[in-house]
Amino acid sequence: MTPSTKRGKVIILVAPSGAGKTTMAQRLMAEFPDIRFSVSATTRPPRPHEVHGQDYYFLTPEQFQEAINRNEFLEWEEFYGGKRYGSLISEVENKLKKGYFVLFDIEVKGALNVKAQYGDQALAVFIRPPSDAVLVERLKNRGTENAESLQLRLERVRMELSYADRFDHVLVNDDLDRCYNELRELVTSFMNETTTH
């Protein structure tokens, strides 16, 4: 199915690390050809397998700051170690104009900014883990966290969970397939709504 000449809409997925958001995003894109990922800009260096413009737009700190100064971001945030990530307005708008549904996999505050700007043309879904204990277990099993970084992540998770009620829907990922099916229903319904302009 090719996208229509109708303007697309925005789908926002938010979840703490380890809650299954990336898997959900990949499954949605595999199933719905009209969903396109919003490629973020970042100041962190590319990893060996990453491609500029496909995985991220890799910008120098100076380029990123210039883009902020020119109001080119829908949202941006700075993380530990001074690394910045943001969503470029031009990247999103180009896809929306072609009739695609633009999928965001971003942090809580950025997600709420995007939702505020697109209003009912954006579906914002928060995916939460069944419990803190499950999340800790998932993060430990990744083997990428030391005790200190695990503690920082958990503090961040508690902050993120405090925002959950500001989203259109909250799904609990206690079973990946069941949670994905709920998400799929929400997305299908949202994509089929008539756009009013």
Protein backbone atom coordinates (compact mmCIF):
# COMPACT_ATOMS: atom_id res chain seq x y z
CA MET A 1 0.00 0.00 0.00
CA THR A 2 1.47 3.36 -0.94
CA PRO A 3 0.82 6.28 1.37
CA SER A 4 -2.01 8.54 0.35
CA THR A 5 -1.76 12.23 -0.47
CA LYS A 6 -3.49 12.77 2.88
CA ARG A 7 -1.17 14.09 5.57
CA GLY A 8 0.14 11.45 7.95
CA LYS A 9 -0.05 11.41 11.72
CA VAL A 10 2.29 10.83 14.65
CA ILE A 11 2.62 7.72 16.85
CA ILE A 12 4.66 8.10 20.05
CA LEU A 13 5.93 5.16 22.09
CA VAL A 14 7.44 5.78 25.50
CA ALA A 15 8.74 3.26 28.00
CA PRO A 16 11.50 2.93 30.57
CA SER A 17 14.63 1.05 29.42
CA GLY A 18 13.94 -2.67 29.45
CA ALA A 19 10.15 -2.37 29.13
CA GLY A 20 10.07 -3.67 25.53
CA LYS A 21 9.57 -0.46 23.56
CA THR A 22 12.17 -1.15 20.85
CA THR A 23 10.70 -4.60 20.16
CA MET A 24 7.20 -3.07 19.90
CA ALA A 25 8.43 -0.37 17.51
CA GLN A 26 10.16 -2.93 15.28
CA ARG A 27 7.07 -5.14 15.16
CA LEU A 28 4.82 -2.21 14.24
CA MET A 29 7.10 -1.17 11.38
CA ALA A 30 7.36 -4.74 10.12
CA GLU A 31 3.58 -5.07 10.06
CA PHE A 32 2.53 -1.59 8.84
CA PRO A 33 4.39 -0.37 5.72
CA ASP A 34 3.00 3.17 6.14
CA ILE A 35 4.74 3.60 9.50
CA ARG A 36 8.15 5.24 9.25
CA PHE A 37 10.61 5.73 12.09
CA SER A 38 11.54 9.25 13.16
CA VAL A 39 15.34 9.28 12.92
CA SER A 40 16.76 11.36 15.78
CA ALA A 41 19.78 13.61 15.74
CA THR A 42 22.48 13.02 18.35
CA THR A 43 25.86 14.33 19.43
CA ARG A 44 27.12 10.89 20.45
CA PRO A 45 29.60 9.25 18.06
CA PRO A 46 28.29 6.53 15.72
CA ARG A 47 28.79 2.90 16.71
CA PRO A 48 30.55 0.71 14.10
CA HIS A 49 27.34 -0.58 12.43
CA GLU A 50 25.41 2.71 12.49
CA VAL A 51 24.67 4.75 9.37
CA HIS A 52 24.20 8.55 9.30
CA GLY A 53 20.63 9.41 8.27
CA GLN A 54 19.39 5.87 8.84
CA ASP A 55 20.13 5.11 12.51
CA TYR A 56 20.70 8.71 13.62
CA TYR A 57 21.75 12.05 12.23
CA PHE A 58 25.20 12.36 13.82
CA LEU A 59 25.90 16.03 14.58
CA THR A 60 28.82 17.70 16.28
CA PRO A 61 27.92 19.51 19.53
CA GLU A 62 28.31 22.78 17.58
CA GLN A 63 25.94 21.66 14.80
CA PHE A 64 23.40 20.50 17.37
CA GLN A 65 23.56 23.84 19.20
CA GLU A 66 23.13 25.73 15.91
CA ALA A 67 20.02 23.64 15.16
CA ILE A 68 18.65 24.51 18.64
CA ASN A 69 19.36 28.20 17.98
CA ARG A 70 17.44 27.98 14.68
CA ASN A 71 14.46 26.22 16.37
CA GLU A 72 14.89 23.15 14.16
CA PHE A 73 13.93 20.61 16.86
CA LEU A 74 10.47 19.43 17.85
CA GLU A 75 12.09 18.30 21.09
CA TRP A 76 15.57 17.65 22.40
CA GLU A 77 17.16 16.47 25.62
CA GLU A 78 20.59 16.19 27.20
CA PHE A 79 21.60 12.99 29.01
CA TYR A 80 24.38 11.78 31.26
CA GLY A 81 27.77 12.76 29.95
CA GLY A 82 26.38 15.70 27.99
CA LYS A 83 25.11 13.65 25.01
CA ARG A 84 22.17 15.32 23.29
CA TYR A 85 19.34 13.74 21.32
CA GLY A 86 16.54 15.48 19.42
CA SER A 87 13.83 15.16 16.76
CA LEU A 88 14.30 17.40 13.72
CA ILE A 89 11.13 19.13 12.50
CA SER A 90 12.20 18.75 8.85
CA GLU A 91 12.65 14.96 9.24
CA VAL A 92 9.16 14.55 10.71
CA GLU A 93 7.34 16.98 8.42
CA ASN A 94 8.82 15.45 5.22
CA LYS A 95 7.35 12.07 6.17
CA LEU A 96 3.99 13.47 7.30
CA LYS A 97 3.58 15.38 4.01
CA LYS A 98 4.07 12.11 2.12
CA GLY A 99 1.21 10.56 4.11
CA TYR A 100 3.34 8.38 6.36
CA PHE A 101 2.66 7.73 10.04
CA VAL A 102 5.78 8.84 11.90
CA LEU A 103 6.80 6.64 14.83
CA PHE A 104 8.68 8.20 17.74
CA ASP A 105 10.62 6.13 20.26
CA ILE A 106 11.62 8.95 22.64
CA GLU A 107 11.90 10.00 26.26
CA VAL A 108 8.95 11.10 28.39
CA LYS A 109 9.41 14.87 28.31
CA GLY A 110 10.15 14.94 24.58
CA ALA A 111 7.10 12.76 23.96
CA LEU A 112 4.84 15.16 25.85
CA ASN A 113 6.27 18.09 23.84
CA VAL A 114 5.53 16.29 20.55
CA LYS A 115 2.02 15.36 21.75
CA ALA A 116 1.37 18.98 22.73
CA GLN A 117 2.40 20.18 19.26
CA TYR A 118 0.42 17.61 17.25
CA GLY A 119 -2.59 17.25 19.57
CA ASP A 120 -5.19 14.79 18.27
CA GLN A 121 -2.97 14.07 15.26
CA ALA A 122 -0.67 12.22 17.66
CA LEU A 123 -1.24 8.96 19.53
CA ALA A 124 0.91 8.78 22.68
CA VAL A 125 1.29 5.35 24.33
CA PHE A 126 3.23 4.64 27.53
CA ILE A 127 4.45 1.04 27.97
CA ARG A 128 5.23 0.13 31.54
CA PRO A 129 6.92 -2.94 33.01
CA PRO A 130 4.78 -5.15 35.27
CA SER A 131 6.91 -4.14 38.28
CA ASP A 132 10.21 -2.57 39.34
CA ALA A 133 11.53 -6.04 40.19
CA VAL A 134 10.89 -7.32 36.65
CA LEU A 135 12.54 -4.25 35.17
CA VAL A 136 15.64 -4.64 37.38
CA GLU A 137 15.86 -8.29 36.31
CA ARG A 138 15.58 -7.36 32.60
CA LEU A 139 18.25 -4.67 32.91
CA LYS A 140 20.58 -7.02 34.81
CA ASN A 141 20.10 -9.72 32.19
CA ARG A 142 21.25 -7.31 29.47
CA GLY A 143 24.66 -7.28 31.14
CA THR A 144 25.22 -3.64 30.13
CA GLU A 145 24.72 -2.05 33.56
CA ASN A 146 27.05 -1.82 36.55
CA ALA A 147 25.61 -1.16 40.04
CA GLU A 148 25.92 2.62 39.68
CA SER A 149 24.40 2.89 36.20
CA LEU A 150 21.61 0.49 37.25
CA GLN A 151 20.80 2.80 40.16
CA LEU A 152 20.75 5.85 37.83
CA ARG A 153 18.47 4.02 35.41
CA LEU A 154 16.06 3.04 38.20
CA GLU A 155 15.87 6.63 39.42
CA ARG A 156 15.08 7.69 35.87
CA VAL A 157 12.44 4.95 35.57
CA ARG A 158 10.64 6.21 38.68
CA MET A 159 10.63 9.73 37.22
CA GLU A 160 9.29 8.40 33.89
CA LEU A 161 6.55 6.35 35.54
CA SER A 162 5.32 9.47 37.34
CA TYR A 163 4.36 10.89 33.91
CA ALA A 164 2.44 7.82 32.67
CA ASP A 165 -1.03 9.26 33.36
CA ARG A 166 -0.39 12.13 30.92
CA PHE A 167 -0.42 9.75 27.94
CA ASP A 168 -3.39 8.72 25.79
CA HIS A 169 -2.97 5.06 26.81
CA VAL A 170 -0.88 3.06 29.27
CA LEU A 171 -0.11 -0.59 28.46
CA VAL A 172 1.53 -3.05 30.86
CA ASN A 173 4.08 -5.31 29.22
CA ASP A 174 3.71 -8.43 31.36
CA ASP A 175 3.35 -10.56 28.21
CA LEU A 176 5.02 -9.29 25.03
CA ASP A 177 2.54 -10.75 22.53
CA ARG A 178 -0.53 -9.66 24.46
CA CYS A 179 0.88 -6.16 24.98
CA TYR A 180 1.80 -5.89 21.28
CA ASN A 181 -1.72 -6.96 20.24
CA GLU A 182 -3.21 -4.22 22.44
CA LEU A 183 -0.81 -1.68 20.93
CA ARG A 184 -1.61 -2.93 17.42
CA GLU A 185 -5.35 -2.40 18.01
CA LEU A 186 -4.76 1.16 19.27
CA VAL A 187 -2.52 1.97 16.30
CA THR A 188 -4.89 0.41 13.73
CA SER A 189 -7.83 2.38 15.12
CA PHE A 190 -5.79 5.62 15.17
CA MET A 191 -4.52 5.12 11.60
CA ASN A 192 -8.06 4.53 10.34
CA GLU A 193 -9.55 7.64 11.96
CA THR A 194 -10.43 10.30 9.44
CA THR A 195 -8.01 13.19 9.58
CA THR A 196 -9.79 16.49 10.06
CA HIS A 197 -8.16 19.58 8.62
